[in-house]
PDB file of N, CA and C in Angstrom:
ATOM      1  N   UNK A   1       8.164  29.499 -10.615  1.00  0.00           N
ATOM      2  CA  UNK A   1       8.349  28.758 -11.831  1.00  0.00           C
ATOM      3  C   UNK A   1       9.230  27.541 -11.617  1.00  0.00           C
ATOM      4  N   UNK A   2      10.035  27.533 -10.589  1.00  0.00           N
ATOM      5  CA  UNK A   2      10.963  26.443 -10.368  1.00  0.00           C
ATOM      6  C   UNK A   2      10.373  25.246  -9.634  1.00  0.00           C
ATOM      7  N   UNK A   3       9.241  25.402  -8.984  1.00  0.00           N
ATOM      8  CA  UNK A   3       8.699  24.282  -8.232  1.00  0.00           C
ATOM      9  C   UNK A   3       7.392  23.797  -8.846  1.00  0.00           C
ATOM     10  N   UNK A   4       7.067  22.557  -8.520  1.00  0.00           N
ATOM     11  CA  UNK A   4       5.830  21.957  -9.018  1.00  0.00           C
ATOM     12  C   UNK A   4       4.718  22.138  -8.000  1.00  0.00           C
ATOM     13  N   UNK A   5       3.543  22.419  -8.478  1.00  0.00           N
ATOM     14  CA  UNK A   5       2.391  22.537  -7.586  1.00  0.00           C
ATOM     15  C   UNK A   5       1.660  21.198  -7.537  1.00  0.00           C
ATOM     16  N   UNK A   6       0.641  21.120  -6.722  1.00  0.00           N
ATOM     17  CA  UNK A   6      -0.140  19.885  -6.592  1.00  0.00           C
ATOM     18  C   UNK A   6      -0.809  19.530  -7.919  1.00  0.00           C
ATOM     19  N   UNK A   7      -1.219  20.526  -8.678  1.00  0.00           N
ATOM     20  CA  UNK A   7      -1.854  20.270  -9.982  1.00  0.00           C
ATOM     21  C   UNK A   7      -0.863  19.617 -10.949  1.00  0.00           C
ATOM     22  N   UNK A   8       0.388  20.042 -10.920  1.00  0.00           N
ATOM     23  CA  UNK A   8       1.405  19.431 -11.776  1.00  0.00           C
ATOM     24  C   UNK A   8       1.595  17.956 -11.426  1.00  0.00           C
ATOM     25  N   UNK A   9       1.697  17.659 -10.136  1.00  0.00           N
ATOM     26  CA  UNK A   9       1.885  16.274  -9.712  1.00  0.00           C
ATOM     27  C   UNK A   9       0.673  15.422 -10.060  1.00  0.00           C
ATOM     28  N   UNK A  10      -0.515  15.992  -9.987  1.00  0.00           N
ATOM     29  CA  UNK A  10      -1.728  15.266 -10.353  1.00  0.00           C
ATOM     30  C   UNK A  10      -1.705  14.896 -11.834  1.00  0.00           C
ATOM     31  N   UNK A  11      -1.296  15.824 -12.683  1.00  0.00           N
ATOM     32  CA  UNK A  11      -1.192  15.547 -14.119  1.00  0.00           C
ATOM     33  C   UNK A  11      -0.150  14.464 -14.369  1.00  0.00           C
ATOM     34  N   UNK A  12       0.978  14.537 -13.685  1.00  0.00           N
ATOM     35  CA  UNK A  12       2.025  13.518 -13.841  1.00  0.00           C
ATOM     36  C   UNK A  12       1.498  12.148 -13.430  1.00  0.00           C
ATOM     37  N   UNK A  13       0.792  12.067 -12.318  1.00  0.00           N
ATOM     38  CA  UNK A  13       0.252  10.791 -11.874  1.00  0.00           C
ATOM     39  C   UNK A  13      -0.782  10.231 -12.850  1.00  0.00           C
ATOM     40  N   UNK A  14      -1.603  11.081 -13.407  1.00  0.00           N
ATOM     41  CA  UNK A  14      -2.599  10.632 -14.383  1.00  0.00           C
ATOM     42  C   UNK A  14      -1.911  10.091 -15.640  1.00  0.00           C
ATOM     43  N   UNK A  15      -0.883  10.781 -16.111  1.00  0.00           N
ATOM     44  CA  UNK A  15      -0.159  10.323 -17.295  1.00  0.00           C
ATOM     45  C   UNK A  15       0.524   8.984 -17.029  1.00  0.00           C
ATOM     46  N   UNK A  16       1.137   8.838 -15.864  1.00  0.00           N
ATOM     47  CA  UNK A  16       1.777   7.567 -15.509  1.00  0.00           C
ATOM     48  C   UNK A  16       0.743   6.457 -15.441  1.00  0.00           C
ATOM     49  N   UNK A  17      -0.405   6.732 -14.850  1.00  0.00           N
ATOM     50  CA  UNK A  17      -1.464   5.733 -14.742  1.00  0.00           C
ATOM     51  C   UNK A  17      -1.965   5.322 -16.129  1.00  0.00           C
ATOM     52  N   UNK A  18      -2.102   6.279 -17.030  1.00  0.00           N
ATOM     53  CA  UNK A  18      -2.562   5.968 -18.389  1.00  0.00           C
ATOM     54  C   UNK A  18      -1.511   5.145 -19.134  1.00  0.00           C
ATOM     55  N   UNK A  19      -0.249   5.503 -18.995  1.00  0.00           N
ATOM     56  CA  UNK A  19       0.808   4.788 -19.713  1.00  0.00           C
ATOM     57  C   UNK A  19       1.002   3.368 -19.187  1.00  0.00           C
ATOM     58  N   UNK A  20       0.973   3.203 -17.886  1.00  0.00           N
ATOM     59  CA  UNK A  20       1.235   1.882 -17.317  1.00  0.00           C
ATOM     60  C   UNK A  20      -0.014   1.016 -17.251  1.00  0.00           C
ATOM     61  N   UNK A  21      -1.162   1.612 -17.036  1.00  0.00           N
ATOM     62  CA  UNK A  21      -2.378   0.828 -16.920  1.00  0.00           C
ATOM     63  C   UNK A  21      -2.544   0.275 -15.518  1.00  0.00           C
ATOM     64  N   UNK A  22      -3.731  -0.226 -15.245  1.00  0.00           N
ATOM     65  CA  UNK A  22      -4.075  -0.692 -13.905  1.00  0.00           C
ATOM     66  C   UNK A  22      -3.254  -1.909 -13.493  1.00  0.00           C
ATOM     67  N   UNK A  23      -3.177  -2.913 -14.341  1.00  0.00           N
ATOM     68  CA  UNK A  23      -2.483  -4.150 -13.970  1.00  0.00           C
ATOM     69  C   UNK A  23      -0.983  -3.941 -13.814  1.00  0.00           C
ATOM     70  N   UNK A  24      -0.414  -3.213 -14.740  1.00  0.00           N
ATOM     71  CA  UNK A  24       1.022  -3.007 -14.679  1.00  0.00           C
ATOM     72  C   UNK A  24       1.410  -2.139 -13.487  1.00  0.00           C
ATOM     73  N   UNK A  25       0.592  -1.151 -13.171  1.00  0.00           N
ATOM     74  CA  UNK A  25       0.854  -0.304 -12.012  1.00  0.00           C
ATOM     75  C   UNK A  25       0.758  -1.127 -10.725  1.00  0.00           C
ATOM     76  N   UNK A  26      -0.213  -2.027 -10.667  1.00  0.00           N
ATOM     77  CA  UNK A  26      -0.361  -2.898  -9.508  1.00  0.00           C
ATOM     78  C   UNK A  26       0.856  -3.811  -9.345  1.00  0.00           C
ATOM     79  N   UNK A  27       1.309  -4.378 -10.454  1.00  0.00           N
ATOM     80  CA  UNK A  27       2.494  -5.237 -10.407  1.00  0.00           C
ATOM     81  C   UNK A  27       3.728  -4.444  -9.975  1.00  0.00           C
ATOM     82  N   UNK A  28       3.839  -3.217 -10.446  1.00  0.00           N
ATOM     83  CA  UNK A  28       4.982  -2.376 -10.089  1.00  0.00           C
ATOM     84  C   UNK A  28       4.981  -2.077  -8.594  1.00  0.00           C
ATOM     85  N   UNK A  29       3.815  -1.770  -8.040  1.00  0.00           N
ATOM     86  CA  UNK A  29       3.725  -1.488  -6.607  1.00  0.00           C
ATOM     87  C   UNK A  29       4.013  -2.746  -5.779  1.00  0.00           C
ATOM     88  N   UNK A  30       3.574  -3.908  -6.267  1.00  0.00           N
ATOM     89  CA  UNK A  30       3.877  -5.159  -5.579  1.00  0.00           C
ATOM     90  C   UNK A  30       5.374  -5.411  -5.559  1.00  0.00           C
ATOM     91  N   UNK A  31       6.014  -5.218  -6.703  1.00  0.00           N
ATOM     92  CA  UNK A  31       7.458  -5.399  -6.777  1.00  0.00           C
ATOM     93  C   UNK A  31       8.195  -4.392  -5.896  1.00  0.00           C
ATOM     94  N   UNK A  32       7.701  -3.174  -5.835  1.00  0.00           N
ATOM     95  CA  UNK A  32       8.306  -2.162  -4.971  1.00  0.00           C
ATOM     96  C   UNK A  32       8.207  -2.581  -3.506  1.00  0.00           C
ATOM     97  N   UNK A  33       7.051  -3.104  -3.106  1.00  0.00           N
ATOM     98  CA  UNK A  33       6.880  -3.581  -1.734  1.00  0.00           C
ATOM     99  C   UNK A  33       7.815  -4.725  -1.408  1.00  0.00           C
ATOM    100  N   UNK A  34       7.980  -5.646  -2.353  1.00  0.00           N
ATOM    101  CA  UNK A  34       8.903  -6.767  -2.150  1.00  0.00           C
ATOM    102  C   UNK A  34      10.341  -6.266  -2.022  1.00  0.00           C
ATOM    103  N   UNK A  35      10.682  -5.268  -2.833  1.00  0.00           N
ATOM    104  CA  UNK A  35      12.028  -4.701  -2.760  1.00  0.00           C
ATOM    105  C   UNK A  35      12.303  -4.027  -1.432  1.00  0.00           C
ATOM    106  N   UNK A  36      11.324  -3.293  -0.932  1.00  0.00           N
ATOM    107  CA  UNK A  36      11.479  -2.631   0.367  1.00  0.00           C
ATOM    108  C   UNK A  36      11.614  -3.666   1.474  1.00  0.00           C
ATOM    109  N   UNK A  37      10.795  -4.718   1.409  1.00  0.00           N
ATOM    110  CA  UNK A  37      10.869  -5.781   2.416  1.00  0.00           C
ATOM    111  C   UNK A  37      12.239  -6.464   2.374  1.00  0.00           C
ATOM    112  N   UNK A  38      12.744  -6.707   1.173  1.00  0.00           N
ATOM    113  CA  UNK A  38      14.056  -7.326   1.022  1.00  0.00           C
ATOM    114  C   UNK A  38      15.151  -6.407   1.566  1.00  0.00           C
ATOM    115  N   UNK A  39      15.022  -5.121   1.326  1.00  0.00           N
ATOM    116  CA  UNK A  39      15.985  -4.154   1.845  1.00  0.00           C
ATOM    117  C   UNK A  39      15.992  -4.158   3.368  1.00  0.00           C
ATOM    118  N   UNK A  40      14.805  -4.182   3.970  1.00  0.00           N
ATOM    119  CA  UNK A  40      14.714  -4.229   5.441  1.00  0.00           C
ATOM    120  C   UNK A  40      15.361  -5.493   5.985  1.00  0.00           C
ATOM    121  N   UNK A  41      15.090  -6.632   5.326  1.00  0.00           N
ATOM    122  CA  UNK A  41      15.688  -7.887   5.772  1.00  0.00           C
ATOM    123  C   UNK A  41      17.209  -7.812   5.702  1.00  0.00           C
ATOM    124  N   UNK A  42      17.718  -7.172   4.663  1.00  0.00           N
ATOM    125  CA  UNK A  42      19.162  -7.031   4.524  1.00  0.00           C
ATOM    126  C   UNK A  42      19.771  -6.159   5.614  1.00  0.00           C
ATOM    127  N   UNK A  43      19.036  -5.133   6.040  1.00  0.00           N
ATOM    128  CA  UNK A  43      19.542  -4.258   7.089  1.00  0.00           C
ATOM    129  C   UNK A  43      19.536  -4.922   8.450  1.00  0.00           C
ATOM    130  N   UNK A  44      18.457  -5.635   8.764  1.00  0.00           N
ATOM    131  CA  UNK A  44      18.325  -6.212  10.095  1.00  0.00           C
ATOM    132  C   UNK A  44      18.882  -7.622  10.187  1.00  0.00           C
ATOM    133  N   UNK A  45      18.944  -8.328   9.070  1.00  0.00           N
ATOM    134  CA  UNK A  45      19.406  -9.708   9.093  1.00  0.00           C
ATOM    135  C   UNK A  45      18.322 -10.675   9.513  1.00  0.00           C
ATOM    136  N   UNK A  46      17.113 -10.200   9.689  1.00  0.00           N
ATOM    137  CA  UNK A  46      15.993 -11.053  10.079  1.00  0.00           C
ATOM    138  C   UNK A  46      14.942 -11.034   8.985  1.00  0.00           C
ATOM    139  N   UNK A  47      14.072 -12.042   9.008  1.00  0.00           N
ATOM    140  CA  UNK A  47      12.957 -12.060   8.081  1.00  0.00           C
ATOM    141  C   UNK A  47      11.884 -11.098   8.580  1.00  0.00           C
ATOM    142  N   UNK A  48      11.495 -10.175   7.738  1.00  0.00           N
ATOM    143  CA  UNK A  48      10.438  -9.227   8.073  1.00  0.00           C
ATOM    144  C   UNK A  48       9.214  -9.647   7.294  1.00  0.00           C
ATOM    145  N   UNK A  49       8.238 -10.198   7.992  1.00  0.00           N
ATOM    146  CA  UNK A  49       7.023 -10.654   7.332  1.00  0.00           C
ATOM    147  C   UNK A  49       5.838  -9.877   7.880  1.00  0.00           C
ATOM    148  N   UNK A  50       4.946  -9.462   7.005  1.00  0.00           N
ATOM    149  CA  UNK A  50       3.755  -8.762   7.498  1.00  0.00           C
ATOM    150  C   UNK A  50       2.870  -9.716   8.270  1.00  0.00           C
ATOM    151  N   UNK A  51       2.261  -9.196   9.330  1.00  0.00           N
ATOM    152  CA  UNK A  51       1.367 -10.025  10.119  1.00  0.00           C
ATOM    153  C   UNK A  51       0.079 -10.250   9.349  1.00  0.00           C
ATOM    154  N   UNK A  52      -0.362 -11.508   9.276  1.00  0.00           N
ATOM    155  CA  UNK A  52      -1.619 -11.757   8.557  1.00  0.00           C
ATOM    156  C   UNK A  52      -2.798 -11.149   9.311  1.00  0.00           C
ATOM    157  N   UNK A  53      -3.697 -10.579   8.571  1.00  0.00           N
ATOM    158  CA  UNK A  53      -4.880  -9.978   9.165  1.00  0.00           C
ATOM    159  C   UNK A  53      -6.089 -10.747   8.681  1.00  0.00           C
ATOM    160  N   UNK A  54      -6.846 -11.257   9.606  1.00  0.00           N
ATOM    161  CA  UNK A  54      -8.072 -11.940   9.227  1.00  0.00           C
ATOM    162  C   UNK A  54      -9.240 -11.252   9.910  1.00  0.00           C
ATOM    163  N   UNK A  55     -10.404 -11.591   9.488  1.00  0.00           N
ATOM    164  CA  UNK A  55     -11.597 -10.972  10.055  1.00  0.00           C
ATOM    165  C   UNK A  55     -11.730 -11.315  11.542  1.00  0.00           C
ATOM    166  N   UNK A  56     -11.287 -12.485  11.928  1.00  0.00           N
ATOM    167  CA  UNK A  56     -11.406 -12.908  13.327  1.00  0.00           C
ATOM    168  C   UNK A  56     -10.531 -12.069  14.254  1.00  0.00           C
ATOM    169  N   UNK A  57      -9.432 -11.497  13.752  1.00  0.00           N
ATOM    170  CA  UNK A  57      -8.534 -10.739  14.619  1.00  0.00           C
ATOM    171  C   UNK A  57      -8.874  -9.257  14.671  1.00  0.00           C
ATOM    172  N   UNK A  58      -9.777  -8.816  13.812  1.00  0.00           N
ATOM    173  CA  UNK A  58     -10.146  -7.409  13.824  1.00  0.00           C
ATOM    174  C   UNK A  58     -11.032  -7.109  15.026  1.00  0.00           C
ATOM    175  N   UNK A  59     -10.888  -5.934  15.638  1.00  0.00           N
ATOM    176  CA  UNK A  59     -11.727  -5.603  16.790  1.00  0.00           C
ATOM    177  C   UNK A  59     -13.198  -5.484  16.369  1.00  0.00           C
ATOM    178  N   UNK A  60     -14.040  -5.919  17.265  1.00  0.00           N
ATOM    179  CA  UNK A  60     -15.468  -5.908  16.970  1.00  0.00           C
ATOM    180  C   UNK A  60     -16.058  -4.529  17.281  1.00  0.00           C
ATOM    181  N   UNK A  61     -16.958  -4.111  16.455  1.00  0.00           N
ATOM    182  CA  UNK A  61     -17.645  -2.840  16.661  1.00  0.00           C
ATOM    183  C   UNK A  61     -18.583  -2.995  17.857  1.00  0.00           C
ATOM    184  N   UNK A  62     -18.494  -2.147  18.898  1.00  0.00           N
ATOM    185  CA  UNK A  62     -19.347  -2.322  20.080  1.00  0.00           C
ATOM    186  C   UNK A  62     -20.826  -2.187  19.770  1.00  0.00           C
ATOM    187  N   UNK A  63     -21.163  -1.437  18.764  1.00  0.00           N
ATOM    188  CA  UNK A  63     -22.587  -1.291  18.424  1.00  0.00           C
ATOM    189  C   UNK A  63     -23.165  -2.607  17.925  1.00  0.00           C
ATOM    190  N   UNK A  64     -22.380  -3.380  17.173  1.00  0.00           N
ATOM    191  CA  UNK A  64     -22.897  -4.640  16.648  1.00  0.00           C
ATOM    192  C   UNK A  64     -23.043  -5.676  17.778  1.00  0.00           C
ATOM    193  N   UNK A  65     -22.228  -5.585  18.836  1.00  0.00           N
ATOM    194  CA  UNK A  65     -22.352  -6.513  19.960  1.00  0.00           C
ATOM    195  C   UNK A  65     -23.658  -6.250  20.729  1.00  0.00           C
ATOM    196  N   UNK A  66     -24.050  -4.988  20.849  1.00  0.00           N
ATOM    197  CA  UNK A  66     -25.296  -4.661  21.531  1.00  0.00           C
ATOM    198  C   UNK A  66     -26.507  -5.143  20.748  1.00  0.00           C
ATOM    199  N   UNK A  67     -26.417  -5.094  19.441  1.00  0.00           N
ATOM    200  CA  UNK A  67     -27.524  -5.510  18.605  1.00  0.00           C
ATOM    201  C   UNK A  67     -27.739  -7.000  18.631  1.00  0.00           C
ATOM    202  N   UNK A  68     -26.673  -7.777  18.913  1.00  0.00           N
ATOM    203  CA  UNK A  68     -26.777  -9.235  18.911  1.00  0.00           C
ATOM    204  C   UNK A  68     -27.464  -9.752  20.162  1.00  0.00           C
ATOM    205  N   UNK A  69     -27.451  -9.037  21.257  1.00  0.00           N
ATOM    206  CA  UNK A  69     -28.036  -9.533  22.500  1.00  0.00           C
ATOM    207  C   UNK A  69     -29.507  -9.201  22.612  1.00  0.00           C
TER     208      UNK A  69
END
């Protein structure tokens, strides 16, 4: 009776999602990410920036290379 099961946490997450909505939840997660990044910068004293990921830098699927030849 003292601990929460996975079903309890699922209900809590659904209620939070309904109350905050999609856009507000997205903004909250963005702000949380910025806060964590700022905290890391404060600890290390350096700028911590995520590496940009583009399609050109992603590894190519070997099956698609065989199909092109």
